[in-house]
Amino acid sequence: MIYKYNENNKRIINDGFNVVDVYNEKFSNIDYVVVNLDGEHGTCINTKSTKYWFILYGKANVYLNDEVSEVTQGDFVIINRNVKHNIIGKVKFGVVCTPPFDASSEKYD
């Protein structure tokens, strides 16, 4: 099965942060979105899902608990549940969540 990237599925979080839903089938054990970020995601902890970020283009700093790393195109980041995380920069990245993202499990500082 093929799912096409479609800008019509865009959710505007704020001026510098939007999410394009690519795959979020009901009853699946994953979901996939593409994030366009120009600024900061915000520090949070997800209590339910493991997130997998694939950097499509751009450059950013990723914060995982107390560590910071620069990421660029082609880098892959794994964020286990209950890990404090943030990303700051101008970057486009794909995100797989398993189980699927649930906003009620995302706790922001």
PDB file of N, CA and C in Angstrom:
ATOM      1  N   MET A   1       0.834  -1.167   0.000  1.00  0.00           N
ATOM      2  CA  MET A   1       0.000   0.000   0.000  1.00  0.00           C
ATOM      3  C   MET A   1       0.888   1.242   0.000  1.00  0.00           C
ATOM      4  N   ILE A   2       0.493   2.273  -0.699  1.00  0.00           N
ATOM      5  CA  ILE A   2       1.265   3.507  -0.798  1.00  0.00           C
ATOM      6  C   ILE A   2       0.434   4.653  -0.243  1.00  0.00           C
ATOM      7  N   TYR A   3       1.041   5.438   0.613  1.00  0.00           N
ATOM      8  CA  TYR A   3       0.409   6.647   1.154  1.00  0.00           C
ATOM      9  C   TYR A   3       1.208   7.830   0.651  1.00  0.00           C
ATOM     10  N   LYS A   4       0.545   8.777   0.036  1.00  0.00           N
ATOM     11  CA  LYS A   4       1.192   9.940  -0.562  1.00  0.00           C
ATOM     12  C   LYS A   4       1.235  11.108   0.424  1.00  0.00           C
ATOM     13  N   TYR A   5       2.366  11.810   0.415  1.00  0.00           N
ATOM     14  CA  TYR A   5       2.503  13.051   1.169  1.00  0.00           C
ATOM     15  C   TYR A   5       1.554  14.066   0.556  1.00  0.00           C
ATOM     16  N   ASN A   6       0.702  14.662   1.371  1.00  0.00           N
ATOM     17  CA  ASN A   6      -0.327  15.563   0.859  1.00  0.00           C
ATOM     18  C   ASN A   6      -0.439  16.772   1.779  1.00  0.00           C
ATOM     19  N   GLU A   7      -0.112  17.952   1.273  1.00  0.00           N
ATOM     20  CA  GLU A   7      -0.172  19.179   2.065  1.00  0.00           C
ATOM     21  C   GLU A   7      -1.581  19.480   2.575  1.00  0.00           C
ATOM     22  N   ASN A   8      -2.617  18.874   1.982  1.00  0.00           N
ATOM     23  CA  ASN A   8      -3.980  19.106   2.454  1.00  0.00           C
ATOM     24  C   ASN A   8      -4.209  18.552   3.856  1.00  0.00           C
ATOM     25  N   ASN A   9      -3.344  17.663   4.280  1.00  0.00           N
ATOM     26  CA  ASN A   9      -3.463  17.076   5.614  1.00  0.00           C
ATOM     27  C   ASN A   9      -2.630  17.839   6.638  1.00  0.00           C
ATOM     28  N   LYS A  10      -2.335  19.120   6.367  1.00  0.00           N
ATOM     29  CA  LYS A  10      -1.463  19.915   7.228  1.00  0.00           C
ATOM     30  C   LYS A  10      -2.225  20.459   8.433  1.00  0.00           C
ATOM     31  N   ARG A  11      -1.591  20.342   9.595  1.00  0.00           N
ATOM     32  CA  ARG A  11      -2.088  20.945  10.829  1.00  0.00           C
ATOM     33  C   ARG A  11      -1.103  22.029  11.246  1.00  0.00           C
ATOM     34  N   ILE A  12      -1.564  23.250  11.374  1.00  0.00           N
ATOM     35  CA  ILE A  12      -0.714  24.363  11.792  1.00  0.00           C
ATOM     36  C   ILE A  12      -0.712  24.409  13.317  1.00  0.00           C
ATOM     37  N   ILE A  13       0.456  24.177  13.908  1.00  0.00           N
ATOM     38  CA  ILE A  13       0.586  24.252  15.362  1.00  0.00           C
ATOM     39  C   ILE A  13       0.824  25.711  15.764  1.00  0.00           C
ATOM     40  N   ASN A  14       1.779  26.359  15.075  1.00  0.00           N
ATOM     41  CA  ASN A  14       2.011  27.801  15.199  1.00  0.00           C
ATOM     42  C   ASN A  14       2.753  28.254  13.947  1.00  0.00           C
ATOM     43  N   ASP A  15       3.167  29.524  13.889  1.00  0.00           N
ATOM     44  CA  ASP A  15       3.794  30.056  12.670  1.00  0.00           C
ATOM     45  C   ASP A  15       5.011  29.258  12.208  1.00  0.00           C
ATOM     46  N   GLY A  16       5.766  28.707  13.132  1.00  0.00           N
ATOM     47  CA  GLY A  16       6.980  27.986  12.762  1.00  0.00           C
ATOM     48  C   GLY A  16       6.907  26.486  12.916  1.00  0.00           C
ATOM     49  N   PHE A  17       5.699  25.944  13.088  1.00  0.00           N
ATOM     50  CA  PHE A  17       5.579  24.514  13.410  1.00  0.00           C
ATOM     51  C   PHE A  17       4.286  23.990  12.788  1.00  0.00           C
ATOM     52  N   ASN A  18       4.430  23.099  11.785  1.00  0.00           N
ATOM     53  CA  ASN A  18       3.248  22.442  11.229  1.00  0.00           C
ATOM     54  C   ASN A  18       3.522  20.969  11.013  1.00  0.00           C
ATOM     55  N   VAL A  19       2.463  20.203  10.983  1.00  0.00           N
ATOM     56  CA  VAL A  19       2.533  18.750  10.878  1.00  0.00           C
ATOM     57  C   VAL A  19       1.665  18.309   9.711  1.00  0.00           C
ATOM     58  N   VAL A  20       2.204  17.439   8.864  1.00  0.00           N
ATOM     59  CA  VAL A  20       1.433  16.867   7.767  1.00  0.00           C
ATOM     60  C   VAL A  20       1.194  15.391   8.076  1.00  0.00           C
ATOM     61  N   ASP A  21      -0.073  15.027   8.240  1.00  0.00           N
ATOM     62  CA  ASP A  21      -0.423  13.630   8.506  1.00  0.00           C
ATOM     63  C   ASP A  21      -0.281  12.825   7.218  1.00  0.00           C
ATOM     64  N   VAL A  22       0.588  11.831   7.236  1.00  0.00           N
ATOM     65  CA  VAL A  22       0.787  10.975   6.066  1.00  0.00           C
ATOM     66  C   VAL A  22       0.083   9.637   6.278  1.00  0.00           C
ATOM     67  N   TYR A  23       0.257   9.052   7.458  1.00  0.00           N
ATOM     68  CA  TYR A  23      -0.358   7.747   7.747  1.00  0.00           C
ATOM     69  C   TYR A  23      -0.828   7.739   9.189  1.00  0.00           C
ATOM     70  N   ASN A  24      -2.114   7.608   9.392  1.00  0.00           N
ATOM     71  CA  ASN A  24      -2.667   7.478  10.746  1.00  0.00           C
ATOM     72  C   ASN A  24      -3.948   6.650  10.701  1.00  0.00           C
ATOM     73  N   GLU A  25      -3.808   5.451  10.191  1.00  0.00           N
ATOM     74  CA  GLU A  25      -4.957   4.550  10.061  1.00  0.00           C
ATOM     75  C   GLU A  25      -5.437   4.076  11.430  1.00  0.00           C
ATOM     76  N   LYS A  26      -6.729   4.129  11.609  1.00  0.00           N
ATOM     77  CA  LYS A  26      -7.327   3.623  12.836  1.00  0.00           C
ATOM     78  C   LYS A  26      -6.991   2.140  12.982  1.00  0.00           C
ATOM     79  N   PHE A  27      -6.687   1.730  14.183  1.00  0.00           N
ATOM     80  CA  PHE A  27      -6.366   0.342  14.544  1.00  0.00           C
ATOM     81  C   PHE A  27      -4.968  -0.091  14.103  1.00  0.00           C
ATOM     82  N   SER A  28      -4.137   0.834  13.639  1.00  0.00           N
ATOM     83  CA  SER A  28      -2.749   0.502  13.318  1.00  0.00           C
ATOM     84  C   SER A  28      -1.907   0.660  14.582  1.00  0.00           C
ATOM     85  N   ASN A  29      -0.716   0.058  14.584  1.00  0.00           N
ATOM     86  CA  ASN A  29       0.158   0.201  15.750  1.00  0.00           C
ATOM     87  C   ASN A  29       1.222   1.289  15.557  1.00  0.00           C
ATOM     88  N   ILE A  30       1.140   2.044  14.446  1.00  0.00           N
ATOM     89  CA  ILE A  30       2.048   3.167  14.208  1.00  0.00           C
ATOM     90  C   ILE A  30       1.279   4.312  13.547  1.00  0.00           C
ATOM     91  N   ASP A  31       1.912   5.489  13.562  1.00  0.00           N
ATOM     92  CA  ASP A  31       1.473   6.565  12.685  1.00  0.00           C
ATOM     93  C   ASP A  31       2.723   7.254  12.145  1.00  0.00           C
ATOM     94  N   TYR A  32       2.548   8.035  11.083  1.00  0.00           N
ATOM     95  CA  TYR A  32       3.665   8.712  10.431  1.00  0.00           C
ATOM     96  C   TYR A  32       3.223  10.109  10.019  1.00  0.00           C
ATOM     97  N   VAL A  33       4.018  11.101  10.418  1.00  0.00           N
ATOM     98  CA  VAL A  33       3.774  12.489  10.030  1.00  0.00           C
ATOM     99  C   VAL A  33       5.083  13.092   9.545  1.00  0.00           C
ATOM    100  N   VAL A  34       4.972  14.213   8.842  1.00  0.00           N
ATOM    101  CA  VAL A  34       6.132  15.011   8.464  1.00  0.00           C
ATOM    102  C   VAL A  34       5.984  16.357   9.158  1.00  0.00           C
ATOM    103  N   VAL A  35       7.044  16.765   9.860  1.00  0.00           N
ATOM    104  CA  VAL A  35       7.037  18.006  10.621  1.00  0.00           C
ATOM    105  C   VAL A  35       7.915  19.033   9.921  1.00  0.00           C
ATOM    106  N   ASN A  36       7.393  20.236   9.745  1.00  0.00           N
ATOM    107  CA  ASN A  36       8.159  21.388   9.276  1.00  0.00           C
ATOM    108  C   ASN A  36       8.319  22.311  10.470  1.00  0.00           C
ATOM    109  N   LEU A  37       9.566  22.525  10.883  1.00  0.00           N
ATOM    110  CA  LEU A  37       9.828  23.309  12.091  1.00  0.00           C
ATOM    111  C   LEU A  37      10.810  24.423  11.786  1.00  0.00           C
ATOM    112  N   ASP A  38      10.464  25.626  12.180  1.00  0.00           N
ATOM    113  CA  ASP A  38      11.360  26.775  12.117  1.00  0.00           C
ATOM    114  C   ASP A  38      11.256  27.458  13.474  1.00  0.00           C
ATOM    115  N   GLY A  39      11.991  26.921  14.426  1.00  0.00           N
ATOM    116  CA  GLY A  39      11.912  27.406  15.800  1.00  0.00           C
ATOM    117  C   GLY A  39      12.078  26.254  16.762  1.00  0.00           C
ATOM    118  N   GLU A  40      11.151  26.166  17.709  1.00  0.00           N
ATOM    119  CA  GLU A  40      11.267  25.174  18.780  1.00  0.00           C
ATOM    120  C   GLU A  40       9.997  24.344  18.889  1.00  0.00           C
ATOM    121  N   HIS A  41      10.184  23.050  19.060  1.00  0.00           N
ATOM    122  CA  HIS A  41       9.069  22.125  19.287  1.00  0.00           C
ATOM    123  C   HIS A  41       8.488  22.328  20.677  1.00  0.00           C
ATOM    124  N   GLY A  42       9.338  22.480  21.655  1.00  0.00           N
ATOM    125  CA  GLY A  42       8.927  22.566  23.058  1.00  0.00           C
ATOM    126  C   GLY A  42       9.330  21.303  23.788  1.00  0.00           C
ATOM    127  N   THR A  43       9.851  21.451  24.996  1.00  0.00           N
ATOM    128  CA  THR A  43      10.321  20.309  25.787  1.00  0.00           C
ATOM    129  C   THR A  43       9.127  19.529  26.318  1.00  0.00           C
ATOM    130  N   CYS A  44       9.162  18.216  26.088  1.00  0.00           N
ATOM    131  CA  CYS A  44       8.052  17.374  26.529  1.00  0.00           C
ATOM    132  C   CYS A  44       8.540  15.967  26.825  1.00  0.00           C
ATOM    133  N   ILE A  45       7.657  15.202  27.406  1.00  0.00           N
ATOM    134  CA  ILE A  45       7.854  13.773  27.658  1.00  0.00           C
ATOM    135  C   ILE A  45       6.609  13.074  27.148  1.00  0.00           C
ATOM    136  N   ASN A  46       6.793  12.021  26.355  1.00  0.00           N
ATOM    137  CA  ASN A  46       5.654  11.223  25.915  1.00  0.00           C
ATOM    138  C   ASN A  46       5.617   9.965  26.771  1.00  0.00           C
ATOM    139  N   THR A  47       4.519   9.750  27.451  1.00  0.00           N
ATOM    140  CA  THR A  47       4.409   8.634  28.383  1.00  0.00           C
ATOM    141  C   THR A  47       3.896   7.356  27.732  1.00  0.00           C
ATOM    142  N   LYS A  48       3.557   7.435  26.441  1.00  0.00           N
ATOM    143  CA  LYS A  48       2.943   6.279  25.776  1.00  0.00           C
ATOM    144  C   LYS A  48       3.768   5.746  24.601  1.00  0.00           C
ATOM    145  N   SER A  49       4.310   6.649  23.772  1.00  0.00           N
ATOM    146  CA  SER A  49       4.900   6.244  22.489  1.00  0.00           C
ATOM    147  C   SER A  49       6.418   6.373  22.453  1.00  0.00           C
ATOM    148  N   THR A  50       7.028   5.528  21.652  1.00  0.00           N
ATOM    149  CA  THR A  50       8.404   5.725  21.213  1.00  0.00           C
ATOM    150  C   THR A  50       8.315   6.463  19.887  1.00  0.00           C
ATOM    151  N   LYS A  51       9.161   7.494  19.715  1.00  0.00           N
ATOM    152  CA  LYS A  51       9.172   8.284  18.489  1.00  0.00           C
ATOM    153  C   LYS A  51      10.459   8.016  17.731  1.00  0.00           C
ATOM    154  N   TYR A  52      10.342   7.972  16.417  1.00  0.00           N
ATOM    155  CA  TYR A  52      11.491   7.804  15.529  1.00  0.00           C
ATOM    156  C   TYR A  52      11.501   8.996  14.585  1.00  0.00           C
ATOM    157  N   TRP A  53      12.548   9.812  14.646  1.00  0.00           N
ATOM    158  CA  TRP A  53      12.659  11.001  13.803  1.00  0.00           C
ATOM    159  C   TRP A  53      13.697  10.761  12.732  1.00  0.00           C
ATOM    160  N   PHE A  54      13.352  10.996  11.467  1.00  0.00           N
ATOM    161  CA  PHE A  54      14.303  10.939  10.359  1.00  0.00           C
ATOM    162  C   PHE A  54      14.401  12.340   9.780  1.00  0.00           C
ATOM    163  N   ILE A  55      15.604  12.914   9.816  1.00  0.00           N
ATOM    164  CA  ILE A  55      15.816  14.292   9.377  1.00  0.00           C
ATOM    165  C   ILE A  55      15.877  14.313   7.849  1.00  0.00           C
ATOM    166  N   LEU A  56      14.902  14.988   7.227  1.00  0.00           N
ATOM    167  CA  LEU A  56      14.804  15.057   5.772  1.00  0.00           C
ATOM    168  C   LEU A  56      15.652  16.186   5.204  1.00  0.00           C
ATOM    169  N   TYR A  57      15.651  17.345   5.863  1.00  0.00           N
ATOM    170  CA  TYR A  57      16.575  18.419   5.502  1.00  0.00           C
ATOM    171  C   TYR A  57      16.629  19.434   6.629  1.00  0.00           C
ATOM    172  N   GLY A  58      17.672  20.259   6.581  1.00  0.00           N
ATOM    173  CA  GLY A  58      17.846  21.294   7.587  1.00  0.00           C
ATOM    174  C   GLY A  58      18.824  20.872   8.659  1.00  0.00           C
ATOM    175  N   LYS A  59      18.862  21.695   9.700  1.00  0.00           N
ATOM    176  CA  LYS A  59      19.782  21.468  10.813  1.00  0.00           C
ATOM    177  C   LYS A  59      19.084  21.899  12.093  1.00  0.00           C
ATOM    178  N   ALA A  60      19.311  21.139  13.166  1.00  0.00           N
ATOM    179  CA  ALA A  60      18.666  21.451  14.441  1.00  0.00           C
ATOM    180  C   ALA A  60      19.487  20.873  15.579  1.00  0.00           C
ATOM    181  N   ASN A  61      19.179  21.330  16.781  1.00  0.00           N
ATOM    182  CA  ASN A  61      19.707  20.716  17.994  1.00  0.00           C
ATOM    183  C   ASN A  61      18.600  19.879  18.609  1.00  0.00           C
ATOM    184  N   VAL A  62      18.931  18.637  18.937  1.00  0.00           N
ATOM    185  CA  VAL A  62      18.001  17.719  19.586  1.00  0.00           C
ATOM    186  C   VAL A  62      18.441  17.548  21.038  1.00  0.00           C
ATOM    187  N   TYR A  63      17.479  17.691  21.921  1.00  0.00           N
ATOM    188  CA  TYR A  63      17.727  17.535  23.349  1.00  0.00           C
ATOM    189  C   TYR A  63      17.038  16.259  23.813  1.00  0.00           C
ATOM    190  N   LEU A  64      17.810  15.333  24.361  1.00  0.00           N
ATOM    191  CA  LEU A  64      17.292  14.085  24.922  1.00  0.00           C
ATOM    192  C   LEU A  64      17.749  14.020  26.369  1.00  0.00           C
ATOM    193  N   ASN A  65      16.811  14.147  27.296  1.00  0.00           N
ATOM    194  CA  ASN A  65      17.123  14.307  28.710  1.00  0.00           C
ATOM    195  C   ASN A  65      18.113  15.452  28.862  1.00  0.00           C
ATOM    196  N   ASP A  66      19.318  15.215  29.345  1.00  0.00           N
ATOM    197  CA  ASP A  66      20.280  16.297  29.573  1.00  0.00           C
ATOM    198  C   ASP A  66      21.351  16.389  28.498  1.00  0.00           C
ATOM    199  N   GLU A  67      21.189  15.669  27.387  1.00  0.00           N
ATOM    200  CA  GLU A  67      22.180  15.687  26.311  1.00  0.00           C
ATOM    201  C   GLU A  67      21.639  16.452  25.112  1.00  0.00           C
ATOM    202  N   VAL A  68      22.550  17.167  24.415  1.00  0.00           N
ATOM    203  CA  VAL A  68      22.177  17.894  23.211  1.00  0.00           C
ATOM    204  C   VAL A  68      23.080  17.440  22.070  1.00  0.00           C
ATOM    205  N   SER A  69      22.500  17.234  20.886  1.00  0.00           N
ATOM    206  CA  SER A  69      23.249  16.825  19.704  1.00  0.00           C
ATOM    207  C   SER A  69      22.729  17.591  18.501  1.00  0.00           C
ATOM    208  N   GLU A  70      23.635  17.954  17.599  1.00  0.00           N
ATOM    209  CA  GLU A  70      23.215  18.576  16.343  1.00  0.00           C
ATOM    210  C   GLU A  70      22.827  17.473  15.371  1.00  0.00           C
ATOM    211  N   VAL A  71      21.719  17.691  14.650  1.00  0.00           N
ATOM    212  CA  VAL A  71      21.281  16.738  13.627  1.00  0.00           C
ATOM    213  C   VAL A  71      21.156  17.462  12.297  1.00  0.00           C
ATOM    214  N   THR A  72      21.418  16.714  11.219  1.00  0.00           N
ATOM    215  CA  THR A  72      21.295  17.234   9.860  1.00  0.00           C
ATOM    216  C   THR A  72      20.679  16.149   8.985  1.00  0.00           C
ATOM    217  N   GLN A  73      20.491  16.486   7.723  1.00  0.00           N
ATOM    218  CA  GLN A  73      19.867  15.584   6.756  1.00  0.00           C
ATOM    219  C   GLN A  73      20.432  14.178   6.849  1.00  0.00           C
ATOM    220  N   GLY A  74      19.541  13.187   6.931  1.00  0.00           N
ATOM    221  CA  GLY A  74      19.931  11.782   6.963  1.00  0.00           C
ATOM    222  C   GLY A  74      20.074  11.204   8.357  1.00  0.00           C
ATOM    223  N   ASP A  75      20.115  12.057   9.389  1.00  0.00           N
ATOM    224  CA  ASP A  75      20.249  11.551  10.755  1.00  0.00           C
ATOM    225  C   ASP A  75      18.938  10.938  11.226  1.00  0.00           C
ATOM    226  N   PHE A  76      19.051   9.985  12.141  1.00  0.00           N
ATOM    227  CA  PHE A  76      17.913   9.236  12.667  1.00  0.00           C
ATOM    228  C   PHE A  76      17.964   9.300  14.185  1.00  0.00           C
ATOM    229  N   VAL A  77      16.870   9.672  14.815  1.00  0.00           N
ATOM    230  CA  VAL A  77      16.805   9.857  16.264  1.00  0.00           C
ATOM    231  C   VAL A  77      15.716   8.948  16.820  1.00  0.00           C
ATOM    232  N   ILE A  78      16.045   8.217  17.874  1.00  0.00           N
ATOM    233  CA  ILE A  78      15.061   7.383  18.564  1.00  0.00           C
ATOM    234  C   ILE A  78      14.813   7.999  19.933  1.00  0.00           C
ATOM    235  N   ILE A  79      13.535   8.239  20.230  1.00  0.00           N
ATOM    236  CA  ILE A  79      13.146   8.828  21.511  1.00  0.00           C
ATOM    237  C   ILE A  79      12.213   7.839  22.202  1.00  0.00           C
ATOM    238  N   ASN A  80      12.748   7.130  23.171  1.00  0.00           N
ATOM    239  CA  ASN A  80      11.938   6.164  23.907  1.00  0.00           C
ATOM    240  C   ASN A  80      10.911   6.894  24.768  1.00  0.00           C
ATOM    241  N   ARG A  81       9.823   6.224  25.071  1.00  0.00           N
ATOM    242  CA  ARG A  81       8.808   6.847  25.927  1.00  0.00           C
ATOM    243  C   ARG A  81       9.447   7.229  27.254  1.00  0.00           C
ATOM    244  N   ASN A  82       8.906   8.254  27.869  1.00  0.00           N
ATOM    245  CA  ASN A  82       9.368   8.798  29.147  1.00  0.00           C
ATOM    246  C   ASN A  82      10.736   9.479  29.079  1.00  0.00           C
ATOM    247  N   VAL A  83      11.205   9.818  27.878  1.00  0.00           N
ATOM    248  CA  VAL A  83      12.451  10.574  27.716  1.00  0.00           C
ATOM    249  C   VAL A  83      12.084  12.029  27.421  1.00  0.00           C
ATOM    250  N   LYS A  84      12.623  12.949  28.212  1.00  0.00           N
ATOM    251  CA  LYS A  84      12.407  14.374  27.977  1.00  0.00           C
ATOM    252  C   LYS A  84      13.119  14.749  26.684  1.00  0.00           C
ATOM    253  N   HIS A  85      12.405  15.455  25.780  1.00  0.00           N
ATOM    254  CA  HIS A  85      13.009  15.776  24.482  1.00  0.00           C
ATOM    255  C   HIS A  85      12.504  17.104  23.935  1.00  0.00           C
ATOM    256  N   ASN A  86      13.307  17.650  23.027  1.00  0.00           N
ATOM    257  CA  ASN A  86      12.985  18.891  22.339  1.00  0.00           C
ATOM    258  C   ASN A  86      13.826  18.928  21.068  1.00  0.00           C
ATOM    259  N   ILE A  87      13.419  19.719  20.105  1.00  0.00           N
ATOM    260  CA  ILE A  87      14.206  19.969  18.903  1.00  0.00           C
ATOM    261  C   ILE A  87      14.048  21.452  18.572  1.00  0.00           C
ATOM    262  N   ILE A  88      15.188  22.091  18.280  1.00  0.00           N
ATOM    263  CA  ILE A  88      15.210  23.518  17.981  1.00  0.00           C
ATOM    264  C   ILE A  88      16.027  23.725  16.714  1.00  0.00           C
ATOM    265  N   GLY A  89      15.443  24.374  15.721  1.00  0.00           N
ATOM    266  CA  GLY A  89      16.162  24.679  14.489  1.00  0.00           C
ATOM    267  C   GLY A  89      15.199  24.878  13.336  1.00  0.00           C
ATOM    268  N   LYS A  90      15.761  24.887  12.142  1.00  0.00           N
ATOM    269  CA  LYS A  90      14.966  24.974  10.909  1.00  0.00           C
ATOM    270  C   LYS A  90      15.169  23.643  10.203  1.00  0.00           C
ATOM    271  N   VAL A  91      14.143  22.807  10.253  1.00  0.00           N
ATOM    272  CA  VAL A  91      14.310  21.412   9.864  1.00  0.00           C
ATOM    273  C   VAL A  91      12.974  20.821   9.431  1.00  0.00           C
ATOM    274  N   LYS A  92      13.060  19.852   8.534  1.00  0.00           N
ATOM    275  CA  LYS A  92      11.906  19.044   8.139  1.00  0.00           C
ATOM    276  C   LYS A  92      12.260  17.610   8.498  1.00  0.00           C
ATOM    277  N   PHE A  93      11.347  16.930   9.215  1.00  0.00           N
ATOM    278  CA  PHE A  93      11.658  15.561   9.620  1.00  0.00           C
ATOM    279  C   PHE A  93      10.411  14.691   9.650  1.00  0.00           C
ATOM    280  N   GLY A  94      10.617  13.424   9.322  1.00  0.00           N
ATOM    281  CA  GLY A  94       9.559  12.434   9.404  1.00  0.00           C
ATOM    282  C   GLY A  94       9.520  11.858  10.802  1.00  0.00           C
ATOM    283  N   VAL A  95       8.310  11.570  11.285  1.00  0.00           N
ATOM    284  CA  VAL A  95       8.134  11.029  12.632  1.00  0.00           C
ATOM    285  C   VAL A  95       7.238   9.801  12.574  1.00  0.00           C
ATOM    286  N   VAL A  96       7.756   8.690  13.061  1.00  0.00           N
ATOM    287  CA  VAL A  96       6.960   7.490  13.288  1.00  0.00           C
ATOM    288  C   VAL A  96       6.754   7.381  14.784  1.00  0.00           C
ATOM    289  N   CYS A  97       5.513   7.159  15.215  1.00  0.00           N
ATOM    290  CA  CYS A  97       5.205   6.915  16.622  1.00  0.00           C
ATOM    291  C   CYS A  97       4.600   5.536  16.749  1.00  0.00           C
ATOM    292  N   THR A  98       5.056   4.812  17.769  1.00  0.00           N
ATOM    293  CA  THR A  98       4.481   3.516  18.055  1.00  0.00           C
ATOM    294  C   THR A  98       4.385   3.341  19.571  1.00  0.00           C
ATOM    295  N   PRO A  99       3.211   3.108  20.110  1.00  0.00           N
ATOM    296  CA  PRO A  99       1.932   3.134  19.419  1.00  0.00           C
ATOM    297  C   PRO A  99       1.634   4.534  18.879  1.00  0.00           C
ATOM    298  N   PRO A 100       0.580   4.680  18.084  1.00  0.00           N
ATOM    299  CA  PRO A 100       0.282   5.971  17.464  1.00  0.00           C
ATOM    300  C   PRO A 100       0.211   7.121  18.476  1.00  0.00           C
ATOM    301  N   PHE A 101       0.566   8.304  18.001  1.00  0.00           N
ATOM    302  CA  PHE A 101       0.587   9.499  18.836  1.00  0.00           C
ATOM    303  C   PHE A 101      -0.769   9.749  19.477  1.00  0.00           C
ATOM    304  N   ASP A 102      -0.728  10.091  20.746  1.00  0.00           N
ATOM    305  CA  ASP A 102      -1.916  10.440  21.513  1.00  0.00           C
ATOM    306  C   ASP A 102      -1.567  11.710  22.285  1.00  0.00           C
ATOM    307  N   ALA A 103      -2.168  12.828  21.916  1.00  0.00           N
ATOM    308  CA  ALA A 103      -1.822  14.123  22.520  1.00  0.00           C
ATOM    309  C   ALA A 103      -1.943  14.110  24.037  1.00  0.00           C
ATOM    310  N   SER A 104      -2.828  13.309  24.576  1.00  0.00           N
ATOM    311  CA  SER A 104      -2.996  13.275  26.032  1.00  0.00           C
ATOM    312  C   SER A 104      -1.796  12.651  26.749  1.00  0.00           C
ATOM    313  N   SER A 105      -0.939  11.944  25.994  1.00  0.00           N
ATOM    314  CA  SER A 105       0.253  11.338  26.604  1.00  0.00           C
ATOM    315  C   SER A 105       1.488  12.211  26.477  1.00  0.00           C
ATOM    316  N   GLU A 106       1.356  13.397  25.867  1.00  0.00           N
ATOM    317  CA  GLU A 106       2.470  14.334  25.658  1.00  0.00           C
ATOM    318  C   GLU A 106       2.414  15.375  26.769  1.00  0.00           C
ATOM    319  N   LYS A 107       3.405  15.363  27.647  1.00  0.00           N
ATOM    320  CA  LYS A 107       3.445  16.274  28.794  1.00  0.00           C
ATOM    321  C   LYS A 107       4.540  17.313  28.564  1.00  0.00           C
ATOM    322  N   TYR A 108       4.157  18.599  28.482  1.00  0.00           N
ATOM    323  CA  TYR A 108       5.097  19.695  28.234  1.00  0.00           C
ATOM    324  C   TYR A 108       5.553  20.321  29.522  1.00  0.00           C
ATOM    325  N   ASP A 109       6.832  20.778  29.522  1.00  0.00           N
ATOM    326  CA  ASP A 109       7.379  21.539  30.658  1.00  0.00           C
ATOM    327  C   ASP A 109       6.761  22.906  30.715  1.00  0.00           C
TER     328      ASP A 109
END
